[in-house]
C-alpha cells in the first residue's frame, strides 16, 4: 500500500465544483485532473471505441489508434 500526502492545491474555491460534460452530474475537479470534465461513470465515453484494422481486420483499441495496428503494423499516414 502506498501512503503519501496529496500536495495538489486549488487556486480558488470555484475551481473545485463542476458538472460532468456528458451527464451533468456534479463532480469535484482536482488540480491536474485527467478526466477532462467527465465523471467516473461517463469516463469510458471519452475514449473512442475500437475500430477494425483495414489490413488484417483485427480490432485496434480506441486509445491506441494513433499507434496503428498492434497485429500487422498497419499505420494510417495522413488518412
Protein backbone atom coordinates (compact mmCIF):
# COMPACT_ATOMS: atom_id res chain seq x y z
CA UNK A 1 0.00 0.00 0.00
CA UNK A 2 1.28 3.45 -0.93
CA UNK A 3 0.96 6.16 1.61
CA UNK A 4 1.76 9.74 0.69
CA UNK A 5 0.22 13.17 1.07
CA UNK A 6 -1.70 14.77 -1.78
CA UNK A 7 0.08 18.08 -2.37
CA UNK A 8 -2.26 19.44 -5.05
CA UNK A 9 -3.86 22.78 -4.17
CA UNK A 10 -6.76 24.77 -5.61
CA UNK A 11 -6.24 28.29 -6.94
CA UNK A 12 -9.74 29.29 -5.80
CA UNK A 13 -12.74 27.52 -4.32
CA UNK A 14 -14.77 27.97 -7.55
CA UNK A 15 -12.46 25.55 -9.35
CA UNK A 16 -13.44 22.59 -7.20
CA UNK A 17 -17.02 22.04 -8.29
CA UNK A 18 -18.09 21.35 -11.84
CA UNK A 19 -20.54 19.27 -13.86
CA UNK A 20 -19.85 16.20 -15.98
CA UNK A 21 -19.69 17.17 -19.67
CA UNK A 22 -21.68 14.02 -20.60
CA UNK A 23 -24.42 13.56 -17.98
CA UNK A 24 -24.35 16.81 -15.97
CA UNK A 25 -23.73 15.10 -12.63
CA UNK A 26 -21.95 17.28 -10.06
CA UNK A 27 -18.26 16.42 -9.75
CA UNK A 28 -15.24 17.63 -7.80
CA UNK A 29 -12.39 18.58 -10.11
CA UNK A 30 -8.89 18.24 -8.69
CA UNK A 31 -5.85 20.13 -9.95
CA UNK A 32 -4.14 18.24 -12.80
CA UNK A 33 -7.29 16.12 -13.24
CA UNK A 34 -7.02 13.97 -16.40
CA UNK A 35 -10.72 13.09 -16.69
CA UNK A 36 -11.32 16.11 -18.97
CA UNK A 37 -14.59 17.05 -17.26
CA UNK A 38 -16.17 13.56 -17.17
CA UNK A 39 -17.45 11.78 -14.06
CA UNK A 40 -16.13 8.29 -13.39
CA UNK A 41 -19.37 6.74 -14.68
CA UNK A 42 -19.02 8.52 -18.05
CA UNK A 43 -15.23 8.37 -18.29
CA UNK A 44 -15.34 5.46 -20.74
CA UNK A 45 -17.42 7.62 -23.12
CA UNK A 46 -14.47 9.97 -23.56
CA UNK A 47 -12.31 7.18 -25.05
CA UNK A 48 -13.09 6.30 -28.68
CA UNK A 49 -14.29 2.77 -29.32
CA UNK A 50 -12.26 0.08 -31.07
CA UNK A 51 -12.15 0.00 -34.88
CA UNK A 52 -11.20 -2.83 -37.26
CA UNK A 53 -7.82 -2.64 -38.96
CA UNK A 54 -8.23 -2.10 -42.74
CA UNK A 55 -5.37 -4.52 -43.48
CA UNK A 56 -5.88 -7.54 -41.21
CA UNK A 57 -9.34 -6.92 -39.69
CA UNK A 58 -8.21 -7.18 -36.04
CA UNK A 59 -9.63 -4.59 -33.67
CA UNK A 60 -7.48 -1.58 -32.80
CA UNK A 61 -8.33 -0.26 -29.31
CA UNK A 62 -9.59 3.34 -29.37
CA UNK A 63 -6.79 4.68 -27.21
CA UNK A 64 -4.18 3.02 -29.48
CA UNK A 65 -5.48 4.29 -32.84
CA UNK A 66 -2.62 6.77 -33.23
CA UNK A 67 -0.08 3.95 -32.83
CA UNK A 68 -1.65 1.79 -35.56
CA UNK A 69 -2.46 -1.92 -35.57
CA UNK A 70 -0.54 -3.97 -32.99
CA UNK A 71 -1.06 -7.17 -35.01
CA UNK A 72 0.08 -6.36 -38.54
CA UNK A 73 1.77 -2.97 -38.04
CA UNK A 74 -0.62 -1.01 -40.31
CA UNK A 75 -0.35 2.72 -39.71
CA UNK A 76 -2.56 5.47 -41.18
CA UNK A 77 -0.37 8.04 -42.88
CA UNK A 78 -2.39 11.18 -43.48
CA UNK A 79 -5.76 9.44 -43.56
